[in-house]
Amino acid sequence: MNDINKVIDEMPDEVYQRLRSAAETGKWEDGTALSPEQKESTLQVVMLYQARKLEQTDHFTIGAGGKINELSKSELKKQFRGESIAEFKESDI
């Protein structure tokens, strides 16, 4: 486990972003599909990175200590209250 901790500690953000994208899409940047083993490993590395290096509080993200952040419906409503999702110009309509 110490080897993976070293990898996570030394991993540049750019590498994390690429791994995260691969885990989300199931494909590498060149379009090659991840094998089932690659998918599992990539997802584990992404979750470890998030737990150890990012301070996330968004719904269904990995927080400090590896716990999944789960917000209640009322917490989500508070978080998004007053924020517009999209804006349209009159010319768009």
PDB file of N, CA and C in Angstrom:
ATOM      1  N   MET A   1       0.818  -1.204   0.000  1.00  0.00           N
ATOM      2  CA  MET A   1       0.000   0.000   0.000  1.00  0.00           C
ATOM      3  C   MET A   1       0.857   1.261   0.000  1.00  0.00           C
ATOM      4  N   ASN A   2       2.066   1.184   0.538  1.00  0.00           N
ATOM      5  CA  ASN A   2       2.941   2.348   0.563  1.00  0.00           C
ATOM      6  C   ASN A   2       3.289   2.827  -0.835  1.00  0.00           C
ATOM      7  N   ASP A   3       3.423   1.900  -1.790  1.00  0.00           N
ATOM      8  CA  ASP A   3       3.742   2.288  -3.159  1.00  0.00           C
ATOM      9  C   ASP A   3       2.620   3.132  -3.763  1.00  0.00           C
ATOM     10  N   ILE A   4       1.366   2.737  -3.551  1.00  0.00           N
ATOM     11  CA  ILE A   4       0.248   3.505  -4.099  1.00  0.00           C
ATOM     12  C   ILE A   4       0.159   4.863  -3.426  1.00  0.00           C
ATOM     13  N   ASN A   5       0.471   4.940  -2.135  1.00  0.00           N
ATOM     14  CA  ASN A   5       0.467   6.234  -1.452  1.00  0.00           C
ATOM     15  C   ASN A   5       1.503   7.162  -2.052  1.00  0.00           C
ATOM     16  N   LYS A   6       2.662   6.634  -2.387  1.00  0.00           N
ATOM     17  CA  LYS A   6       3.717   7.439  -3.007  1.00  0.00           C
ATOM     18  C   LYS A   6       3.261   7.917  -4.387  1.00  0.00           C
ATOM     19  N   VAL A   7       2.636   7.022  -5.136  1.00  0.00           N
ATOM     20  CA  VAL A   7       2.129   7.389  -6.464  1.00  0.00           C
ATOM     21  C   VAL A   7       1.120   8.524  -6.341  1.00  0.00           C
ATOM     22  N   ILE A   8       0.190   8.403  -5.404  1.00  0.00           N
ATOM     23  CA  ILE A   8      -0.834   9.437  -5.215  1.00  0.00           C
ATOM     24  C   ILE A   8      -0.189  10.752  -4.780  1.00  0.00           C
ATOM     25  N   ASP A   9       0.746  10.689  -3.840  1.00  0.00           N
ATOM     26  CA  ASP A   9       1.398  11.896  -3.346  1.00  0.00           C
ATOM     27  C   ASP A   9       2.164  12.640  -4.435  1.00  0.00           C
ATOM     28  N   GLU A  10       2.728  11.903  -5.376  1.00  0.00           N
ATOM     29  CA  GLU A  10       3.551  12.513  -6.422  1.00  0.00           C
ATOM     30  C   GLU A  10       2.807  12.735  -7.740  1.00  0.00           C
ATOM     31  N   MET A  11       1.547  12.341  -7.800  1.00  0.00           N
ATOM     32  CA  MET A  11       0.793  12.437  -9.045  1.00  0.00           C
ATOM     33  C   MET A  11       0.442  13.899  -9.379  1.00  0.00           C
ATOM     34  N   PRO A  12       0.841  14.357 -10.570  1.00  0.00           N
ATOM     35  CA  PRO A  12       0.446  15.702 -10.993  1.00  0.00           C
ATOM     36  C   PRO A  12      -1.058  15.776 -11.262  1.00  0.00           C
ATOM     37  N   ASP A  13      -1.622  16.951 -11.113  1.00  0.00           N
ATOM     38  CA  ASP A  13      -3.057  17.140 -11.343  1.00  0.00           C
ATOM     39  C   ASP A  13      -3.451  16.726 -12.761  1.00  0.00           C
ATOM     40  N   GLU A  14      -2.589  16.981 -13.731  1.00  0.00           N
ATOM     41  CA  GLU A  14      -2.890  16.636 -15.125  1.00  0.00           C
ATOM     42  C   GLU A  14      -3.112  15.129 -15.290  1.00  0.00           C
ATOM     43  N   VAL A  15      -2.313  14.333 -14.618  1.00  0.00           N
ATOM     44  CA  VAL A  15      -2.463  12.873 -14.681  1.00  0.00           C
ATOM     45  C   VAL A  15      -3.779  12.464 -14.030  1.00  0.00           C
ATOM     46  N   TYR A  16      -4.088  13.073 -12.868  1.00  0.00           N
ATOM     47  CA  TYR A  16      -5.360  12.787 -12.211  1.00  0.00           C
ATOM     48  C   TYR A  16      -6.529  13.109 -13.141  1.00  0.00           C
ATOM     49  N   GLN A  17      -6.484  14.263 -13.813  1.00  0.00           N
ATOM     50  CA  GLN A  17      -7.579  14.656 -14.705  1.00  0.00           C
ATOM     51  C   GLN A  17      -7.752  13.652 -15.845  1.00  0.00           C
ATOM     52  N   ARG A  18      -6.648  13.156 -16.385  1.00  0.00           N
ATOM     53  CA  ARG A  18      -6.723  12.161 -17.464  1.00  0.00           C
ATOM     54  C   ARG A  18      -7.313  10.848 -16.959  1.00  0.00           C
ATOM     55  N   LEU A  19      -6.875  10.424 -15.779  1.00  0.00           N
ATOM     56  CA  LEU A  19      -7.416   9.189 -15.202  1.00  0.00           C
ATOM     57  C   LEU A  19      -8.895   9.340 -14.877  1.00  0.00           C
ATOM     58  N   ARG A  20      -9.264  10.486 -14.357  1.00  0.00           N
ATOM     59  CA  ARG A  20     -10.670  10.744 -14.035  1.00  0.00           C
ATOM     60  C   ARG A  20     -11.529  10.697 -15.294  1.00  0.00           C
ATOM     61  N   SER A  21     -11.036  11.322 -16.354  1.00  0.00           N
ATOM     62  CA  SER A  21     -11.765  11.302 -17.618  1.00  0.00           C
ATOM     63  C   SER A  21     -11.911   9.871 -18.140  1.00  0.00           C
ATOM     64  N   ALA A  22     -10.842   9.095 -18.043  1.00  0.00           N
ATOM     65  CA  ALA A  22     -10.897   7.697 -18.490  1.00  0.00           C
ATOM     66  C   ALA A  22     -11.888   6.899 -17.652  1.00  0.00           C
ATOM     67  N   ALA A  23     -11.901   7.137 -16.349  1.00  0.00           N
ATOM     68  CA  ALA A  23     -12.836   6.423 -15.476  1.00  0.00           C
ATOM     69  C   ALA A  23     -14.280   6.810 -15.790  1.00  0.00           C
ATOM     70  N   GLU A  24     -14.507   8.083 -16.119  1.00  0.00           N
ATOM     71  CA  GLU A  24     -15.861   8.555 -16.413  1.00  0.00           C
ATOM     72  C   GLU A  24     -16.369   8.056 -17.762  1.00  0.00           C
ATOM     73  N   THR A  25     -15.485   8.045 -18.776  1.00  0.00           N
ATOM     74  CA  THR A  25     -15.918   7.703 -20.131  1.00  0.00           C
ATOM     75  C   THR A  25     -15.687   6.244 -20.501  1.00  0.00           C
ATOM     76  N   GLY A  26     -14.780   5.582 -19.766  1.00  0.00           N
ATOM     77  CA  GLY A  26     -14.444   4.203 -20.099  1.00  0.00           C
ATOM     78  C   GLY A  26     -13.465   4.099 -21.252  1.00  0.00           C
ATOM     79  N   LYS A  27     -12.854   5.256 -21.623  1.00  0.00           N
ATOM     80  CA  LYS A  27     -11.919   5.278 -22.749  1.00  0.00           C
ATOM     81  C   LYS A  27     -10.716   6.142 -22.401  1.00  0.00           C
ATOM     82  N   TRP A  28      -9.568   5.782 -22.989  1.00  0.00           N
ATOM     83  CA  TRP A  28      -8.389   6.627 -22.891  1.00  0.00           C
ATOM     84  C   TRP A  28      -8.558   7.793 -23.857  1.00  0.00           C
ATOM     85  N   GLU A  29      -7.688   8.777 -23.760  1.00  0.00           N
ATOM     86  CA  GLU A  29      -7.795   9.966 -24.616  1.00  0.00           C
ATOM     87  C   GLU A  29      -7.793   9.635 -26.101  1.00  0.00           C
ATOM     88  N   ASP A  30      -7.096   8.565 -26.498  1.00  0.00           N
ATOM     89  CA  ASP A  30      -7.024   8.203 -27.918  1.00  0.00           C
ATOM     90  C   ASP A  30      -8.243   7.406 -28.384  1.00  0.00           C
ATOM     91  N   GLY A  31      -9.209   7.187 -27.482  1.00  0.00           N
ATOM     92  CA  GLY A  31     -10.437   6.480 -27.838  1.00  0.00           C
ATOM     93  C   GLY A  31     -10.418   4.992 -27.550  1.00  0.00           C
ATOM     94  N   THR A  32      -9.275   4.458 -27.139  1.00  0.00           N
ATOM     95  CA  THR A  32      -9.174   3.042 -26.809  1.00  0.00           C
ATOM     96  C   THR A  32      -9.955   2.750 -25.533  1.00  0.00           C
ATOM     97  N   ALA A  33     -10.774   1.718 -25.580  1.00  0.00           N
ATOM     98  CA  ALA A  33     -11.579   1.354 -24.407  1.00  0.00           C
ATOM     99  C   ALA A  33     -10.707   0.765 -23.306  1.00  0.00           C
ATOM    100  N   LEU A  34     -11.053   1.087 -22.058  1.00  0.00           N
ATOM    101  CA  LEU A  34     -10.366   0.502 -20.916  1.00  0.00           C
ATOM    102  C   LEU A  34     -10.807  -0.942 -20.753  1.00  0.00           C
ATOM    103  N   SER A  35      -9.873  -1.809 -20.417  1.00  0.00           N
ATOM    104  CA  SER A  35     -10.229  -3.189 -20.093  1.00  0.00           C
ATOM    105  C   SER A  35     -10.923  -3.173 -18.728  1.00  0.00           C
ATOM    106  N   PRO A  36     -11.633  -4.229 -18.370  1.00  0.00           N
ATOM    107  CA  PRO A  36     -12.267  -4.265 -17.046  1.00  0.00           C
ATOM    108  C   PRO A  36     -11.258  -4.045 -15.909  1.00  0.00           C
ATOM    109  N   GLU A  37     -10.060  -4.602 -16.053  1.00  0.00           N
ATOM    110  CA  GLU A  37      -9.026  -4.428 -15.019  1.00  0.00           C
ATOM    111  C   GLU A  37      -8.558  -2.980 -14.958  1.00  0.00           C
ATOM    112  N   GLN A  38      -8.383  -2.346 -16.129  1.00  0.00           N
ATOM    113  CA  GLN A  38      -7.974  -0.944 -16.168  1.00  0.00           C
ATOM    114  C   GLN A  38      -9.046  -0.046 -15.563  1.00  0.00           C
ATOM    115  N   LYS A  39     -10.311  -0.359 -15.862  1.00  0.00           N
ATOM    116  CA  LYS A  39     -11.422   0.422 -15.311  1.00  0.00           C
ATOM    117  C   LYS A  39     -11.403   0.390 -13.786  1.00  0.00           C
ATOM    118  N   GLU A  40     -11.252  -0.813 -13.244  1.00  0.00           N
ATOM    119  CA  GLU A  40     -11.247  -0.979 -11.798  1.00  0.00           C
ATOM    120  C   GLU A  40     -10.059  -0.255 -11.165  1.00  0.00           C
ATOM    121  N   SER A  41      -8.881  -0.443 -11.713  1.00  0.00           N
ATOM    122  CA  SER A  41      -7.678   0.196 -11.165  1.00  0.00           C
ATOM    123  C   SER A  41      -7.744   1.718 -11.283  1.00  0.00           C
ATOM    124  N   THR A  42      -8.197   2.195 -12.428  1.00  0.00           N
ATOM    125  CA  THR A  42      -8.287   3.638 -12.654  1.00  0.00           C
ATOM    126  C   THR A  42      -9.263   4.269 -11.670  1.00  0.00           C
ATOM    127  N   LEU A  43     -10.405   3.647 -11.483  1.00  0.00           N
ATOM    128  CA  LEU A  43     -11.390   4.168 -10.546  1.00  0.00           C
ATOM    129  C   LEU A  43     -10.843   4.190  -9.122  1.00  0.00           C
ATOM    130  N   GLN A  44     -10.120   3.156  -8.733  1.00  0.00           N
ATOM    131  CA  GLN A  44      -9.531   3.116  -7.394  1.00  0.00           C
ATOM    132  C   GLN A  44      -8.510   4.233  -7.203  1.00  0.00           C
ATOM    133  N   VAL A  45      -7.670   4.460  -8.203  1.00  0.00           N
ATOM    134  CA  VAL A  45      -6.662   5.521  -8.104  1.00  0.00           C
ATOM    135  C   VAL A  45      -7.343   6.892  -8.026  1.00  0.00           C
ATOM    136  N   VAL A  46      -8.368   7.097  -8.832  1.00  0.00           N
ATOM    137  CA  VAL A  46      -9.097   8.369  -8.813  1.00  0.00           C
ATOM    138  C   VAL A  46      -9.720   8.606  -7.435  1.00  0.00           C
ATOM    139  N   MET A  47     -10.338   7.581  -6.875  1.00  0.00           N
ATOM    140  CA  MET A  47     -10.971   7.726  -5.558  1.00  0.00           C
ATOM    141  C   MET A  47      -9.927   7.983  -4.465  1.00  0.00           C
ATOM    142  N   LEU A  48      -8.797   7.298  -4.537  1.00  0.00           N
ATOM    143  CA  LEU A  48      -7.725   7.541  -3.565  1.00  0.00           C
ATOM    144  C   LEU A  48      -7.195   8.964  -3.672  1.00  0.00           C
ATOM    145  N   TYR A  49      -6.994   9.423  -4.884  1.00  0.00           N
ATOM    146  CA  TYR A  49      -6.512  10.787  -5.110  1.00  0.00           C
ATOM    147  C   TYR A  49      -7.501  11.791  -4.510  1.00  0.00           C
ATOM    148  N   GLN A  50      -8.776  11.596  -4.803  1.00  0.00           N
ATOM    149  CA  GLN A  50      -9.802  12.507  -4.290  1.00  0.00           C
ATOM    150  C   GLN A  50      -9.820  12.513  -2.768  1.00  0.00           C
ATOM    151  N   ALA A  51      -9.708  11.342  -2.173  1.00  0.00           N
ATOM    152  CA  ALA A  51      -9.760  11.231  -0.717  1.00  0.00           C
ATOM    153  C   ALA A  51      -8.539  11.858  -0.060  1.00  0.00           C
ATOM    154  N   ARG A  52      -7.392  11.742  -0.684  1.00  0.00           N
ATOM    155  CA  ARG A  52      -6.147  12.196  -0.058  1.00  0.00           C
ATOM    156  C   ARG A  52      -5.761  13.622  -0.411  1.00  0.00           C
ATOM    157  N   LYS A  53      -6.091  14.084  -1.620  1.00  0.00           N
ATOM    158  CA  LYS A  53      -5.550  15.369  -2.070  1.00  0.00           C
ATOM    159  C   LYS A  53      -6.589  16.458  -2.303  1.00  0.00           C
ATOM    160  N   LEU A  54      -7.834  16.107  -2.436  1.00  0.00           N
ATOM    161  CA  LEU A  54      -8.863  17.113  -2.724  1.00  0.00           C
ATOM    162  C   LEU A  54      -9.753  17.307  -1.507  1.00  0.00           C
ATOM    163  N   GLU A  55     -10.160  18.523  -1.295  1.00  0.00           N
ATOM    164  CA  GLU A  55     -11.112  18.804  -0.213  1.00  0.00           C
ATOM    165  C   GLU A  55     -12.468  19.039  -0.857  1.00  0.00           C
ATOM    166  N   GLN A  56     -13.166  17.960  -1.085  1.00  0.00           N
ATOM    167  CA  GLN A  56     -14.443  18.025  -1.778  1.00  0.00           C
ATOM    168  C   GLN A  56     -15.605  17.913  -0.799  1.00  0.00           C
ATOM    169  N   THR A  57     -16.630  18.672  -1.062  1.00  0.00           N
ATOM    170  CA  THR A  57     -17.832  18.581  -0.249  1.00  0.00           C
ATOM    171  C   THR A  57     -19.076  18.401  -1.121  1.00  0.00           C
ATOM    172  N   ASP A  58     -18.893  18.303  -2.435  1.00  0.00           N
ATOM    173  CA  ASP A  58     -20.023  18.131  -3.337  1.00  0.00           C
ATOM    174  C   ASP A  58     -20.657  16.757  -3.147  1.00  0.00           C
ATOM    175  N   HIS A  59     -21.927  16.675  -3.510  1.00  0.00           N
ATOM    176  CA  HIS A  59     -22.695  15.444  -3.404  1.00  0.00           C
ATOM    177  C   HIS A  59     -22.034  14.326  -4.212  1.00  0.00           C
ATOM    178  N   PHE A  60     -21.916  13.170  -3.605  1.00  0.00           N
ATOM    179  CA  PHE A  60     -21.355  11.961  -4.207  1.00  0.00           C
ATOM    180  C   PHE A  60     -19.926  12.136  -4.698  1.00  0.00           C
ATOM    181  N   THR A  61     -19.137  12.898  -3.972  1.00  0.00           N
ATOM    182  CA  THR A  61     -17.700  12.940  -4.208  1.00  0.00           C
ATOM    183  C   THR A  61     -17.030  12.262  -3.023  1.00  0.00           C
ATOM    184  N   ILE A  62     -15.765  11.949  -3.183  1.00  0.00           N
ATOM    185  CA  ILE A  62     -15.015  11.304  -2.113  1.00  0.00           C
ATOM    186  C   ILE A  62     -14.403  12.393  -1.251  1.00  0.00           C
ATOM    187  N   GLY A  63     -14.749  12.407   0.011  1.00  0.00           N
ATOM    188  CA  GLY A  63     -14.235  13.403   0.938  1.00  0.00           C
ATOM    189  C   GLY A  63     -13.030  12.893   1.696  1.00  0.00           C
ATOM    190  N   ALA A  64     -12.574  13.714   2.614  1.00  0.00           N
ATOM    191  CA  ALA A  64     -11.420  13.355   3.445  1.00  0.00           C
ATOM    192  C   ALA A  64     -11.695  12.041   4.172  1.00  0.00           C
ATOM    193  N   GLY A  65     -10.697  11.212   4.255  1.00  0.00           N
ATOM    194  CA  GLY A  65     -10.847   9.937   4.936  1.00  0.00           C
ATOM    195  C   GLY A  65     -11.509   8.867   4.090  1.00  0.00           C
ATOM    196  N   GLY A  66     -11.827   9.200   2.844  1.00  0.00           N
ATOM    197  CA  GLY A  66     -12.401   8.210   1.948  1.00  0.00           C
ATOM    198  C   GLY A  66     -13.902   8.040   2.042  1.00  0.00           C
ATOM    199  N   LYS A  67     -14.573   8.900   2.799  1.00  0.00           N
ATOM    200  CA  LYS A  67     -16.025   8.790   2.918  1.00  0.00           C
ATOM    201  C   LYS A  67     -16.708   9.470   1.732  1.00  0.00           C
ATOM    202  N   ILE A  68     -17.810   8.885   1.293  1.00  0.00           N
ATOM    203  CA  ILE A  68     -18.593   9.478   0.215  1.00  0.00           C
ATOM    204  C   ILE A  68     -19.463  10.582   0.806  1.00  0.00           C
ATOM    205  N   ASN A  69     -19.381  11.756   0.207  1.00  0.00           N
ATOM    206  CA  ASN A  69     -20.222  12.877   0.644  1.00  0.00           C
ATOM    207  C   ASN A  69     -21.630  12.671   0.091  1.00  0.00           C
ATOM    208  N   GLU A  70     -22.557  12.539   0.986  1.00  0.00           N
ATOM    209  CA  GLU A  70     -23.957  12.408   0.587  1.00  0.00           C
ATOM    210  C   GLU A  70     -24.738  13.542   1.237  1.00  0.00           C
ATOM    211  N   LEU A  71     -25.277  14.406   0.404  1.00  0.00           N
ATOM    212  CA  LEU A  71     -26.048  15.531   0.918  1.00  0.00           C
ATOM    213  C   LEU A  71     -27.530  15.187   0.902  1.00  0.00           C
ATOM    214  N   SER A  72     -28.230  15.685   1.901  1.00  0.00           N
ATOM    215  CA  SER A  72     -29.676  15.467   1.947  1.00  0.00           C
ATOM    216  C   SER A  72     -30.344  16.347   0.894  1.00  0.00           C
ATOM    217  N   LYS A  73     -31.591  16.083   0.632  1.00  0.00           N
ATOM    218  CA  LYS A  73     -32.345  16.862  -0.352  1.00  0.00           C
ATOM    219  C   LYS A  73     -32.377  18.334   0.052  1.00  0.00           C
ATOM    220  N   SER A  74     -32.558  18.618   1.343  1.00  0.00           N
ATOM    221  CA  SER A  74     -32.611  20.013   1.787  1.00  0.00           C
ATOM    222  C   SER A  74     -31.248  20.690   1.659  1.00  0.00           C
ATOM    223  N   GLU A  75     -30.153  19.930   1.898  1.00  0.00           N
ATOM    224  CA  GLU A  75     -28.806  20.493   1.729  1.00  0.00           C
ATOM    225  C   GLU A  75     -28.534  20.809   0.258  1.00  0.00           C
ATOM    226  N   LEU A  76     -28.994  19.935  -0.635  1.00  0.00           N
ATOM    227  CA  LEU A  76     -28.829  20.192  -2.067  1.00  0.00           C
ATOM    228  C   LEU A  76     -29.617  21.418  -2.503  1.00  0.00           C
ATOM    229  N   LYS A  77     -30.839  21.552  -1.983  1.00  0.00           N
ATOM    230  CA  LYS A  77     -31.653  22.722  -2.323  1.00  0.00           C
ATOM    231  C   LYS A  77     -30.973  24.003  -1.864  1.00  0.00           C
ATOM    232  N   LYS A  78     -30.418  23.990  -0.645  1.00  0.00           N
ATOM    233  CA  LYS A  78     -29.703  25.164  -0.133  1.00  0.00           C
ATOM    234  C   LYS A  78     -28.498  25.487  -1.006  1.00  0.00           C
ATOM    235  N   GLN A  79     -27.795  24.459  -1.426  1.00  0.00           N
ATOM    236  CA  GLN A  79     -26.591  24.640  -2.223  1.00  0.00           C
ATOM    237  C   GLN A  79     -26.903  25.309  -3.561  1.00  0.00           C
ATOM    238  N   PHE A  80     -28.041  24.968  -4.166  1.00  0.00           N
ATOM    239  CA  PHE A  80     -28.356  25.470  -5.492  1.00  0.00           C
ATOM    240  C   PHE A  80     -29.386  26.597  -5.498  1.00  0.00           C
ATOM    241  N   ARG A  81     -29.872  26.995  -4.347  1.00  0.00           N
ATOM    242  CA  ARG A  81     -30.862  28.058  -4.274  1.00  0.00           C
ATOM    243  C   ARG A  81     -30.266  29.360  -4.806  1.00  0.00           C
ATOM    244  N   GLY A  82     -30.972  29.961  -5.703  1.00  0.00           N
ATOM    245  CA  GLY A  82     -30.548  31.252  -6.220  1.00  0.00           C
ATOM    246  C   GLY A  82     -29.520  31.184  -7.334  1.00  0.00           C
ATOM    247  N   GLU A  83     -29.001  30.011  -7.624  1.00  0.00           N
ATOM    248  CA  GLU A  83     -28.037  29.887  -8.709  1.00  0.00           C
ATOM    249  C   GLU A  83     -28.780  29.486  -9.972  1.00  0.00           C
ATOM    250  N   SER A  84     -28.590  30.260 -11.028  1.00  0.00           N
ATOM    251  CA  SER A  84     -29.240  29.883 -12.274  1.00  0.00           C
ATOM    252  C   SER A  84     -28.426  28.789 -12.945  1.00  0.00           C
ATOM    253  N   ILE A  85     -29.115  27.866 -13.561  1.00  0.00           N
ATOM    254  CA  ILE A  85     -28.462  26.761 -14.238  1.00  0.00           C
ATOM    255  C   ILE A  85     -28.005  27.196 -15.626  1.00  0.00           C
ATOM    256  N   ALA A  86     -28.827  27.994 -16.294  1.00  0.00           N
ATOM    257  CA  ALA A  86     -28.477  28.471 -17.635  1.00  0.00           C
ATOM    258  C   ALA A  86     -29.125  29.825 -17.848  1.00  0.00           C
ATOM    259  N   GLU A  87     -28.520  30.607 -18.681  1.00  0.00           N
ATOM    260  CA  GLU A  87     -29.087  31.898 -19.038  1.00  0.00           C
ATOM    261  C   GLU A  87     -29.287  31.929 -20.547  1.00  0.00           C
ATOM    262  N   PHE A  88     -30.403  32.489 -20.949  1.00  0.00           N
ATOM    263  CA  PHE A  88     -30.695  32.591 -22.368  1.00  0.00           C
ATOM    264  C   PHE A  88     -30.770  34.045 -22.743  1.00  0.00           C
ATOM    265  N   LYS A  89     -30.258  34.331 -23.927  1.00  0.00           N
ATOM    266  CA  LYS A  89     -30.389  35.668 -24.481  1.00  0.00           C
ATOM    267  C   LYS A  89     -31.659  35.699 -25.314  1.00  0.00           C
ATOM    268  N   GLU A  90     -32.214  36.854 -25.472  1.00  0.00           N
ATOM    269  CA  GLU A  90     -33.441  36.974 -26.265  1.00  0.00           C
ATOM    270  C   GLU A  90     -33.226  36.430 -27.670  1.00  0.00           C
ATOM    271  N   SER A  91     -32.029  36.593 -28.193  1.00  0.00           N
ATOM    272  CA  SER A  91     -31.745  36.114 -29.559  1.00  0.00           C
ATOM    273  C   SER A  91     -31.712  34.589 -29.634  1.00  0.00           C
ATOM    274  N   ASP A  92     -31.580  33.910 -28.476  1.00  0.00           N
ATOM    275  CA  ASP A  92     -31.552  32.440 -28.454  1.00  0.00           C
ATOM    276  C   ASP A  92     -32.948  31.847 -28.577  1.00  0.00           C
ATOM    277  N   ILE A  93     -33.949  32.630 -28.270  1.00  0.00           N
ATOM    278  CA  ILE A  93     -35.317  32.095 -28.233  1.00  0.00           C
ATOM    279  C   ILE A  93     -35.972  32.144 -29.585  1.00  0.00           C
TER     280      ILE A  93
END
